[in-house]
Amino acid sequence: MRDETRKWLTREVLLISFSAFFADLGYQAIVGLFPIVVRFLLKQPAYVFGLLMALTYGIGSAVSYAGGKLGDRYSKKKLAIGGNLLITLLSVSGLPGNIVENSALYLGGWWSRDFRSPVRKALLVEVSDPGYIKRIFGFLHSLDVGGGMLSTVIAFVLLYSGFGIPLVMLIMIVPILASSAVLSMVREDRHEKFASRTQAGKADAAANSSSMKLFLVSAGLFGFSYYSLGFPIITVAGAEHNYAMGLLTYAVFLGVSGLTGYALGSSRLRAASGLWKFGYLVSAIGSLFIGLSYHYHLGLPGFYLSTAVLGFGTGSIETFEPVVASILTPSARISRGMGSLSAWRGIGLFSSNVLMGLLFTFSVLDSYLYAFLTASAAAVIMWFVQRRTPFLDGRPIS
């Protein structure tokens, strides 16, 4: 068992994964607090928050694609570090006292995160043994989200201790800088140590580019359902009249998501079937449960249980989506493939957050019903992709 672990848990995999841990340790608390800043401190209506999140993800989709495309031409490590350093803009986004300046800083920090994300994933693929890629992405996600959960818990404690929200957000700049320092220690191999990553079906993937296109449509359609977690946060904070309880919703989500990523990454589940069954479909059910918990006044147990279901689905998606993308994308364009995945998801997220913001203003239940229906449609399309592309699940090609 120890020898097998040494095969996939290499120095570079550890460094990239711990860089993700420290990054999320810094910025995830800010992601959880920013909706509270907009909605309650700056007293903006829900549709304004929805519009901000739409800009965050919509423009971020183009930034992700650009980062991925540049990653195939230039040093992935340098691009990832540059984007990572600029994430620190998120930390100061709580300091100004008006919606324009707060939002500008937040958007700049998040777009920097979007720029480096596909590049970092591509870098991880290049330094990883393809035989263990699912386990490696599950490990990455567990550390990634584990840092995020710890971040929200720290913020929760600081809020209860009397710290102001802007100060808590500013404190989180320290782990973000630590993340960049860890990433700088990664040894980038421009010759791709595992260049012969032609997994079963890689050659067939080139002949089945339509499968990649359908997969991206599926990811984009899920994006249409994947609202900012700020909506559940302000749902709980408003219903319970407690900011800290709203933030704790995010901790529940991240904790379950991280554990799910680690467990499924080490499982025998195939990526394509796991993506639609335990990812898109379970996320749809989680959204439905959140809406019903609000409508029927089920209180914190209902909200937290529903959020846990949503976290399970998201953990599955974050583990399996990049694996499917790595199988369907030619090695020479792996960074662009990861960028395309982020871009298509971002296009959906742009529309989702606009619609969620509008629906949320008039009917909280209807906003979550919308998310349930679109995520269910994404599951159906991904099921179709799995059936028409046998090598994705290791089935013989007829």
Protein backbone atom coordinates (compact mmCIF):
# COMPACT_ATOMS: atom_id res chain seq x y z
CA MET A 1 0.00 0.00 0.00
CA ARG A 2 2.84 2.37 0.91
CA ASP A 3 4.69 1.57 -2.33
CA GLU A 4 1.56 2.29 -4.36
CA THR A 5 1.11 5.62 -2.58
CA ARG A 6 4.67 6.59 -3.48
CA LYS A 7 3.85 6.05 -7.15
CA TRP A 8 1.20 8.78 -7.27
CA LEU A 9 1.84 10.98 -4.22
CA THR A 10 5.02 12.54 -5.59
CA ARG A 11 6.81 15.69 -4.46
CA GLU A 12 5.18 17.77 -7.22
CA VAL A 13 1.68 16.40 -6.55
CA LEU A 14 2.08 17.25 -2.86
CA LEU A 15 3.36 20.77 -3.53
CA ILE A 16 0.60 21.63 -6.01
CA SER A 17 -2.04 20.15 -3.70
CA PHE A 18 -0.77 22.01 -0.63
CA SER A 19 -0.59 25.21 -2.65
CA ALA A 20 -4.30 24.68 -3.32
CA PHE A 21 -4.86 24.05 0.40
CA PHE A 22 -3.26 27.35 1.42
CA ALA A 23 -5.02 29.29 -1.34
CA ASP A 24 -8.42 28.08 -0.20
CA LEU A 25 -7.43 28.56 3.43
CA GLY A 26 -7.14 32.20 2.50
CA TYR A 27 -9.84 33.08 0.02
CA GLN A 28 -12.76 30.75 0.80
CA ALA A 29 -13.67 32.66 3.97
CA ILE A 30 -13.74 35.81 1.84
CA VAL A 31 -16.05 34.10 -0.66
CA GLY A 32 -18.35 33.23 2.25
CA LEU A 33 -18.22 36.72 3.80
CA PHE A 34 -18.56 38.82 0.66
CA PRO A 35 -22.29 38.02 0.17
CA ILE A 36 -22.90 39.23 3.73
CA VAL A 37 -20.95 42.42 2.98
CA VAL A 38 -23.04 43.10 -0.13
CA ARG A 39 -26.43 42.08 1.23
CA PHE A 40 -26.31 43.27 4.83
CA LEU A 41 -23.41 45.72 5.33
CA LEU A 42 -23.80 47.59 2.04
CA LYS A 43 -27.58 46.87 2.04
CA GLN A 44 -27.81 45.88 -1.63
CA PRO A 45 -30.78 43.86 -2.97
CA ALA A 46 -30.39 40.20 -3.94
CA TYR A 47 -30.44 40.94 -7.67
CA VAL A 48 -27.36 43.18 -7.28
CA PHE A 49 -25.49 40.31 -5.64
CA GLY A 50 -26.69 38.02 -8.45
CA LEU A 51 -25.40 40.45 -11.06
CA LEU A 52 -22.02 40.68 -9.31
CA MET A 53 -21.72 36.89 -9.24
CA ALA A 54 -22.72 36.76 -12.91
CA LEU A 55 -19.89 39.17 -13.76
CA THR A 56 -17.55 37.19 -11.52
CA TYR A 57 -18.16 33.92 -13.35
CA GLY A 58 -19.11 35.25 -16.79
CA ILE A 59 -16.00 37.32 -17.44
CA GLY A 60 -14.06 34.77 -15.42
CA SER A 61 -14.93 32.14 -18.05
CA ALA A 62 -13.10 34.15 -20.72
CA VAL A 63 -10.18 34.71 -18.35
CA SER A 64 -10.02 30.95 -17.64
CA TYR A 65 -9.91 30.12 -21.32
CA ALA A 66 -7.20 32.71 -21.90
CA GLY A 67 -5.15 31.32 -19.03
CA GLY A 68 -5.54 27.79 -20.35
CA LYS A 69 -4.53 28.80 -23.87
CA LEU A 70 -1.45 30.67 -22.64
CA GLY A 71 -0.53 27.66 -20.50
CA ASP A 72 0.09 25.58 -23.65
CA ARG A 73 2.58 28.18 -24.91
CA TYR A 74 4.35 29.51 -21.83
CA SER A 75 5.46 28.33 -18.41
CA LYS A 76 2.45 26.96 -16.55
CA LYS A 77 4.25 27.44 -13.25
CA LYS A 78 4.96 31.14 -13.81
CA LEU A 79 1.43 31.83 -15.04
CA ALA A 80 -0.07 29.99 -12.07
CA ILE A 81 2.10 31.92 -9.57
CA GLY A 82 1.25 35.27 -11.18
CA GLY A 83 -2.49 34.59 -10.98
CA ASN A 84 -2.15 33.23 -7.47
CA LEU A 85 -0.43 36.36 -6.18
CA LEU A 86 -3.20 38.60 -7.52
CA ILE A 87 -5.83 36.61 -5.61
CA THR A 88 -4.77 38.78 -2.67
CA LEU A 89 -7.09 41.48 -4.09
CA LEU A 90 -9.92 39.47 -2.54
CA SER A 91 -8.49 40.11 0.92
CA VAL A 92 -8.89 43.87 0.64
CA SER A 93 -12.32 43.75 -0.99
CA GLY A 94 -14.04 44.31 2.36
CA LEU A 95 -12.23 47.56 3.19
CA PRO A 96 -13.93 50.21 0.97
CA GLY A 97 -17.36 51.44 2.01
CA ASN A 98 -19.15 51.45 -1.32
CA ILE A 99 -20.39 48.74 -3.64
CA VAL A 100 -18.34 49.84 -6.69
CA GLU A 101 -14.90 49.71 -5.04
CA ASN A 102 -15.66 46.60 -2.99
CA SER A 103 -16.89 44.80 -6.09
CA ALA A 104 -13.97 45.91 -8.29
CA LEU A 105 -11.44 44.45 -5.86
CA TYR A 106 -13.43 41.24 -5.45
CA LEU A 107 -13.84 40.77 -9.19
CA GLY A 108 -10.14 41.40 -9.82
CA GLY A 109 -9.12 38.83 -7.22
CA TRP A 110 -11.55 36.20 -8.46
CA TRP A 111 -10.60 36.65 -12.12
CA SER A 112 -6.97 36.14 -11.10
CA ARG A 113 -8.02 32.89 -9.47
CA ASP A 114 -9.85 31.89 -12.69
CA PHE A 115 -6.74 32.69 -14.75
CA ARG A 116 -4.48 30.36 -12.77
CA SER A 117 -6.93 27.48 -12.14
CA PRO A 118 -6.81 25.68 -15.55
CA VAL A 119 -3.05 26.25 -15.75
CA ARG A 120 -2.54 24.70 -12.32
CA LYS A 121 -4.70 21.70 -13.24
CA ALA A 122 -2.78 21.21 -16.48
CA LEU A 123 0.49 21.43 -14.57
CA LEU A 124 -0.78 18.75 -12.21
CA VAL A 125 -1.74 16.51 -15.13
CA GLU A 126 1.74 16.88 -16.64
CA VAL A 127 3.53 15.79 -13.45
CA SER A 128 1.11 12.96 -12.62
CA ASP A 129 1.03 9.30 -13.57
CA PRO A 130 -2.11 8.93 -15.77
CA GLY A 131 -2.90 5.62 -14.10
CA TYR A 132 -3.63 7.46 -10.86
CA ILE A 133 -5.14 10.67 -12.24
CA LYS A 134 -8.57 10.18 -10.62
CA ARG A 135 -7.01 9.56 -7.23
CA ILE A 136 -4.72 12.57 -7.64
CA PHE A 137 -7.57 14.94 -8.49
CA GLY A 138 -9.56 13.54 -5.57
CA PHE A 139 -6.59 14.22 -3.29
CA LEU A 140 -6.20 17.73 -4.73
CA HIS A 141 -9.87 18.47 -4.18
CA SER A 142 -9.84 17.15 -0.62
CA LEU A 143 -6.91 19.40 0.34
CA ASP A 144 -8.33 22.27 -1.68
CA VAL A 145 -11.70 22.13 0.04
CA GLY A 146 -10.21 21.10 3.38
CA GLY A 147 -8.39 24.42 3.39
CA GLY A 148 -11.64 26.15 2.50
CA MET A 149 -13.52 24.50 5.35
CA LEU A 150 -10.80 25.42 7.84
CA SER A 151 -10.90 28.95 6.45
CA THR A 152 -14.61 29.32 7.15
CA VAL A 153 -14.24 27.80 10.63
CA ILE A 154 -11.47 30.31 11.46
CA ALA A 155 -13.64 33.15 10.15
CA PHE A 156 -16.59 31.84 12.18
CA VAL A 157 -14.50 31.87 15.38
CA LEU A 158 -13.12 35.35 14.64
CA LEU A 159 -16.62 36.74 14.04
CA TYR A 160 -17.85 35.27 17.32
CA SER A 161 -14.80 36.76 19.03
CA GLY A 162 -15.83 40.25 17.94
CA PHE A 163 -13.61 40.79 14.89
CA GLY A 164 -15.17 42.90 12.15
CA ILE A 165 -15.82 41.33 8.75
CA PRO A 166 -13.34 43.59 6.83
CA LEU A 167 -10.55 42.71 9.29
CA VAL A 168 -11.26 38.99 9.04
CA MET A 169 -11.06 39.24 5.24
CA LEU A 170 -7.77 41.13 5.46
CA ILE A 171 -6.20 38.52 7.78
CA MET A 172 -6.78 35.89 5.10
CA ILE A 173 -4.08 37.42 2.89
CA VAL A 174 -1.41 35.47 4.83
CA PRO A 175 -2.30 31.92 3.65
CA ILE A 176 -2.82 33.19 0.07
CA LEU A 177 0.77 34.43 0.03
CA ALA A 178 1.89 31.10 1.56
CA SER A 179 0.14 29.32 -1.32
CA SER A 180 2.24 31.20 -3.87
CA ALA A 181 5.42 30.40 -1.94
CA VAL A 182 4.64 26.66 -2.00
CA LEU A 183 3.78 26.77 -5.71
CA SER A 184 7.13 28.41 -6.45
CA MET A 185 8.89 25.24 -5.23
CA VAL A 186 7.26 23.02 -7.90
CA ARG A 187 9.68 21.67 -10.51
CA GLU A 188 8.07 22.20 -13.90
CA ASP A 189 8.96 19.61 -16.54
CA ARG A 190 8.36 21.23 -19.92
CA HIS A 191 9.08 17.90 -21.59
CA GLU A 192 6.16 16.23 -19.81
CA LYS A 193 7.44 13.35 -17.73
CA PHE A 194 4.31 11.39 -18.55
CA ALA A 195 4.04 12.47 -22.20
CA SER A 196 2.91 8.98 -23.21
CA ARG A 197 -0.35 9.52 -21.36
CA THR A 198 -2.39 7.90 -24.10
CA GLN A 199 -4.84 6.24 -21.79
CA ALA A 200 -7.13 3.65 -23.29
CA GLY A 201 -9.14 5.53 -25.81
CA LYS A 202 -6.95 8.65 -26.07
CA ALA A 203 -6.49 8.01 -29.77
CA ASP A 204 -10.21 7.42 -30.07
CA ALA A 205 -10.87 10.70 -28.28
CA ALA A 206 -9.38 12.55 -31.24
CA ALA A 207 -11.82 10.76 -33.53
CA ASN A 208 -14.66 11.45 -31.13
CA SER A 209 -14.25 15.18 -30.61
CA SER A 210 -18.02 15.45 -30.59
CA SER A 211 -17.94 13.67 -27.23
CA MET A 212 -15.75 16.47 -25.86
CA LYS A 213 -18.17 19.05 -27.23
CA LEU A 214 -21.15 17.32 -25.65
CA PHE A 215 -19.24 17.01 -22.39
CA LEU A 216 -18.58 20.76 -22.43
CA VAL A 217 -22.28 21.39 -23.13
CA SER A 218 -23.13 19.21 -20.15
CA ALA A 219 -20.66 21.11 -17.94
CA GLY A 220 -22.06 24.41 -19.21
CA LEU A 221 -25.63 23.32 -18.54
CA PHE A 222 -24.66 22.33 -15.02
CA GLY A 223 -23.19 25.81 -14.76
CA PHE A 224 -26.69 27.14 -15.51
CA SER A 225 -27.79 25.47 -12.27
CA TYR A 226 -24.68 26.17 -10.20
CA TYR A 227 -25.44 29.36 -8.34
CA SER A 228 -22.98 31.06 -6.03
CA LEU A 229 -22.99 29.52 -2.56
CA GLY A 230 -23.64 33.07 -1.43
CA PHE A 231 -27.33 32.42 -2.04
CA PRO A 232 -27.60 29.63 0.57
CA ILE A 233 -25.45 31.74 2.90
CA ILE A 234 -27.77 34.72 2.74
CA THR A 235 -30.80 32.39 2.80
CA VAL A 236 -29.67 30.98 6.15
CA ALA A 237 -28.33 34.29 7.50
CA GLY A 238 -31.63 35.99 6.69
CA ALA A 239 -33.84 33.17 7.99
CA GLU A 240 -31.86 32.77 11.23
CA HIS A 241 -30.91 36.47 11.63
CA ASN A 242 -27.32 35.41 12.29
CA TYR A 243 -24.30 36.08 10.04
CA ALA A 244 -22.16 33.38 11.64
CA MET A 245 -24.82 30.70 11.12
CA GLY A 246 -25.00 31.71 7.46
CA LEU A 247 -21.23 31.39 7.13
CA LEU A 248 -21.34 27.97 8.81
CA THR A 249 -23.48 26.79 5.87
CA TYR A 250 -20.39 27.24 3.71
CA ALA A 251 -18.26 25.24 6.15
CA VAL A 252 -20.72 22.33 5.95
CA PHE A 253 -20.67 22.50 2.15
CA LEU A 254 -16.88 22.57 1.91
CA GLY A 255 -16.34 19.87 4.53
CA VAL A 256 -18.63 17.35 2.84
CA SER A 257 -17.28 18.29 -0.59
CA GLY A 258 -13.68 17.69 0.48
CA LEU A 259 -14.38 14.31 2.10
CA THR A 260 -16.36 13.25 -0.96
CA GLY A 261 -13.55 14.17 -3.33
CA TYR A 262 -11.02 12.11 -1.39
CA ALA A 263 -13.34 9.10 -1.03
CA LEU A 264 -14.47 9.00 -4.65
CA GLY A 265 -10.98 9.69 -5.97
CA SER A 266 -9.84 6.47 -4.30
CA SER A 267 -12.92 4.48 -5.34
CA ARG A 268 -13.44 2.17 -8.30
CA LEU A 269 -16.07 4.46 -9.81
CA ARG A 270 -15.53 5.39 -13.44
CA ALA A 271 -15.26 9.10 -14.07
CA ALA A 272 -18.09 9.56 -16.59
CA SER A 273 -20.74 7.57 -14.73
CA GLY A 274 -19.64 9.02 -11.39
CA LEU A 275 -19.94 12.53 -12.82
CA TRP A 276 -23.59 12.32 -13.82
CA LYS A 277 -24.83 9.97 -11.08
CA PHE A 278 -23.07 11.35 -8.01
CA GLY A 279 -22.22 14.80 -9.36
CA TYR A 280 -24.86 16.51 -11.45
CA LEU A 281 -27.84 14.46 -10.24
CA VAL A 282 -27.01 14.65 -6.52
CA SER A 283 -26.35 18.40 -6.83
CA ALA A 284 -29.80 18.80 -8.38
CA ILE A 285 -31.35 17.03 -5.40
CA GLY A 286 -29.36 19.20 -2.98
CA SER A 287 -30.69 22.39 -4.58
CA LEU A 288 -34.24 21.09 -4.40
CA PHE A 289 -33.81 20.24 -0.69
CA ILE A 290 -32.49 23.74 0.12
CA GLY A 291 -35.57 25.30 -1.49
CA LEU A 292 -37.92 22.95 0.36
CA SER A 293 -36.12 23.59 3.66
CA TYR A 294 -36.73 27.31 3.23
CA HIS A 295 -40.33 26.92 2.05
CA TYR A 296 -41.37 24.55 4.85
CA HIS A 297 -39.32 26.31 7.58
CA LEU A 298 -37.23 23.26 8.47
CA GLY A 299 -34.63 25.40 10.26
CA LEU A 300 -30.89 24.84 10.54
CA PRO A 301 -31.05 20.99 10.42
CA GLY A 302 -32.86 21.15 7.08
CA PHE A 303 -30.52 23.79 5.66
CA TYR A 304 -27.34 22.04 6.75
CA LEU A 305 -28.48 18.59 5.59
CA SER A 306 -29.47 20.01 2.20
CA THR A 307 -26.15 21.82 1.93
CA ALA A 308 -24.34 18.57 2.76
CA VAL A 309 -26.11 16.85 -0.15
CA LEU A 310 -25.09 19.72 -2.43
CA GLY A 311 -21.52 19.44 -1.13
CA PHE A 312 -21.44 15.72 -1.92
CA GLY A 313 -22.51 16.42 -5.49
CA THR A 314 -19.98 19.21 -5.93
CA GLY A 315 -17.15 17.07 -4.52
CA SER A 316 -17.98 14.44 -7.14
CA ILE A 317 -18.00 17.02 -9.92
CA GLU A 318 -14.69 18.61 -8.93
CA THR A 319 -13.10 15.15 -8.85
CA PHE A 320 -14.55 13.64 -12.03
CA GLU A 321 -14.86 16.63 -14.41
CA PRO A 322 -11.11 17.27 -14.85
CA VAL A 323 -10.53 13.52 -15.24
CA VAL A 324 -13.04 13.31 -18.10
CA ALA A 325 -11.48 16.43 -19.65
CA SER A 326 -7.97 14.95 -19.40
CA ILE A 327 -9.13 11.77 -21.19
CA LEU A 328 -10.92 13.60 -24.00
CA THR A 329 -8.23 16.25 -24.60
CA PRO A 330 -5.04 15.61 -26.63
CA SER A 331 -1.88 15.93 -24.49
CA ALA A 332 -0.54 18.91 -26.46
CA ARG A 333 -3.69 20.90 -25.65
CA ILE A 334 -4.31 19.79 -22.06
CA SER A 335 -4.11 23.32 -20.64
CA ARG A 336 -6.53 24.63 -23.26
CA GLY A 337 -8.87 21.71 -22.51
CA MET A 338 -8.97 22.63 -18.82
CA GLY A 339 -9.52 26.26 -19.81
CA SER A 340 -12.41 25.27 -22.07
CA LEU A 341 -14.00 23.33 -19.21
CA SER A 342 -13.75 26.37 -16.93
CA ALA A 343 -15.03 28.66 -19.68
CA TRP A 344 -18.12 26.60 -20.45
CA ARG A 345 -18.91 26.26 -16.76
CA GLY A 346 -18.43 30.02 -16.39
CA ILE A 347 -20.87 30.80 -19.22
CA GLY A 348 -23.52 28.81 -17.39
CA LEU A 349 -22.62 30.42 -14.07
CA PHE A 350 -23.06 33.89 -15.58
CA SER A 351 -26.64 33.14 -16.61
CA SER A 352 -27.40 31.13 -13.48
CA ASN A 353 -26.47 33.89 -11.07
CA VAL A 354 -28.44 36.53 -12.99
CA LEU A 355 -31.52 34.30 -13.01
CA MET A 356 -31.00 33.18 -9.41
CA GLY A 357 -30.73 36.81 -8.31
CA LEU A 358 -33.95 37.76 -10.08
CA LEU A 359 -35.88 34.66 -8.97
CA PHE A 360 -34.50 34.94 -5.43
CA THR A 361 -35.86 38.50 -5.19
CA PHE A 362 -39.41 37.28 -5.85
CA SER A 363 -39.46 33.62 -4.78
CA VAL A 364 -36.67 31.78 -2.94
CA LEU A 365 -38.27 28.39 -3.65
CA ASP A 366 -38.56 29.02 -7.40
CA SER A 367 -34.87 29.95 -7.61
CA TYR A 368 -33.84 26.57 -6.20
CA LEU A 369 -36.39 24.72 -8.36
CA TYR A 370 -34.74 26.30 -11.40
CA ALA A 371 -31.35 25.01 -10.22
CA PHE A 372 -32.80 21.52 -9.70
CA LEU A 373 -34.22 21.32 -13.24
CA THR A 374 -31.09 22.55 -15.05
CA ALA A 375 -28.71 20.29 -13.08
CA SER A 376 -30.99 17.33 -13.86
CA ALA A 377 -30.76 18.18 -17.58
CA ALA A 378 -26.95 18.25 -17.30
CA ALA A 379 -27.05 14.75 -15.79
CA VAL A 380 -29.10 13.46 -18.74
CA ILE A 381 -26.62 14.88 -21.30
CA MET A 382 -23.62 13.45 -19.43
CA TRP A 383 -25.35 10.06 -19.31
CA PHE A 384 -25.66 10.27 -23.09
CA VAL A 385 -21.96 11.16 -23.43
CA GLN A 386 -21.04 8.14 -21.30
CA ARG A 387 -23.17 5.80 -23.40
CA ARG A 388 -21.80 7.00 -26.77
CA THR A 389 -18.13 7.04 -25.66
CA PRO A 390 -17.30 3.53 -24.38
CA PHE A 391 -13.64 4.13 -23.47
CA LEU A 392 -14.60 6.76 -20.87
CA ASP A 393 -15.80 4.00 -18.58
CA GLY A 394 -13.38 1.33 -19.72
CA ARG A 395 -15.95 -0.51 -21.81
CA PRO A 396 -14.84 -2.21 -25.04
CA ILE A 397 -15.31 -0.17 -28.22
CA SER A 398 -17.82 -1.87 -30.48
